[in-house]
Amino acid sequence: QLFSYTWTLGEFGCKFILYVQHVSMICSVLNLTFLSIERYYAVIHPVRSRYLCTFSQARKVIIFIWLSAF
């Protein structure tokens, strides 16, 4: 069943699953990119990063990542 050439969810299901996979992939790449940038900034500017790398800033970045992935 896994390698059959028929799709039981129809054409919409096939396209929707493909879309969800691409959005998830883009979000993963962007999350890792922004995490790396934040860690780099924390190492280079440790004092300044304590004020810029906050929970609310992380929330804004995550919302931006999800909206830009769509």
Protein backbone atom coordinates (compact mmCIF):
# COMPACT_ATOMS: atom_id res chain seq x y z
CA GLN A 1 0.00 0.00 0.00
CA LEU A 2 2.86 2.38 0.70
CA PHE A 3 4.27 2.22 -2.82
CA SER A 4 1.05 1.96 -4.79
CA TYR A 5 0.39 4.40 -7.60
CA THR A 6 -3.05 5.38 -6.34
CA TRP A 7 -3.72 8.15 -3.86
CA THR A 8 -6.67 7.50 -1.56
CA LEU A 9 -7.08 11.12 -0.46
CA GLY A 10 -7.71 12.46 -3.94
CA GLU A 11 -6.04 15.24 -5.87
CA PHE A 12 -6.73 17.88 -3.21
CA GLY A 13 -5.22 15.68 -0.49
CA CYS A 14 -2.13 15.09 -2.58
CA LYS A 15 -1.60 18.81 -3.20
CA PHE A 16 -2.40 19.72 0.41
CA ILE A 17 0.08 17.20 1.84
CA LEU A 18 2.76 18.47 -0.54
CA TYR A 19 2.02 22.07 0.50
CA VAL A 20 2.21 21.22 4.22
CA GLN A 21 5.53 19.43 3.67
CA HIS A 22 7.00 22.45 1.90
CA VAL A 23 5.77 24.90 4.56
CA SER A 24 7.23 22.71 7.30
CA MET A 25 10.54 22.49 5.48
CA ILE A 26 10.75 26.26 4.99
CA CYS A 27 9.85 26.89 8.65
CA SER A 28 12.53 24.47 9.80
CA VAL A 29 15.21 26.14 7.70
CA LEU A 30 14.18 29.64 8.80
CA ASN A 31 14.03 28.60 12.48
CA LEU A 32 17.56 27.20 12.31
CA THR A 33 18.78 30.29 10.49
CA PHE A 34 17.35 32.72 13.03
CA LEU A 35 18.52 30.56 15.91
CA SER A 36 22.05 30.62 14.50
CA ILE A 37 21.91 34.40 14.07
CA GLU A 38 20.70 34.83 17.64
CA ARG A 39 23.43 32.56 19.04
CA TYR A 40 26.07 34.38 16.99
CA TYR A 41 24.82 37.70 18.35
CA ALA A 42 24.83 36.31 21.91
CA VAL A 43 28.48 35.27 21.56
CA ILE A 44 29.66 38.49 19.91
CA HIS A 45 27.61 40.93 22.05
CA PRO A 46 26.76 39.08 25.30
CA VAL A 47 25.63 42.12 27.29
CA ARG A 48 23.53 43.66 24.54
CA SER A 49 21.95 40.32 23.64
CA ARG A 50 20.42 40.00 27.11
CA TYR A 51 18.20 42.97 26.30
CA LEU A 52 17.50 42.15 22.65
CA CYS A 53 17.02 38.36 22.83
CA THR A 54 13.88 38.27 24.94
CA PHE A 55 10.82 36.03 25.00
CA SER A 56 8.65 38.62 23.27
CA GLN A 57 11.28 39.11 20.56
CA ALA A 58 11.43 35.34 20.01
CA ARG A 59 7.65 35.23 19.72
CA LYS A 60 7.74 37.96 17.07
CA VAL A 61 10.42 36.12 15.11
CA ILE A 62 8.48 32.84 15.22
CA ILE A 63 5.30 34.56 14.02
CA PHE A 64 7.29 36.21 11.23
CA ILE A 65 8.79 32.87 10.21
CA TRP A 66 5.40 31.15 10.01
CA LEU A 67 3.79 34.00 8.10
CA SER A 68 6.66 34.24 5.64
CA ALA A 69 6.54 30.48 5.00
CA PHE A 70 2.99 30.72 3.71
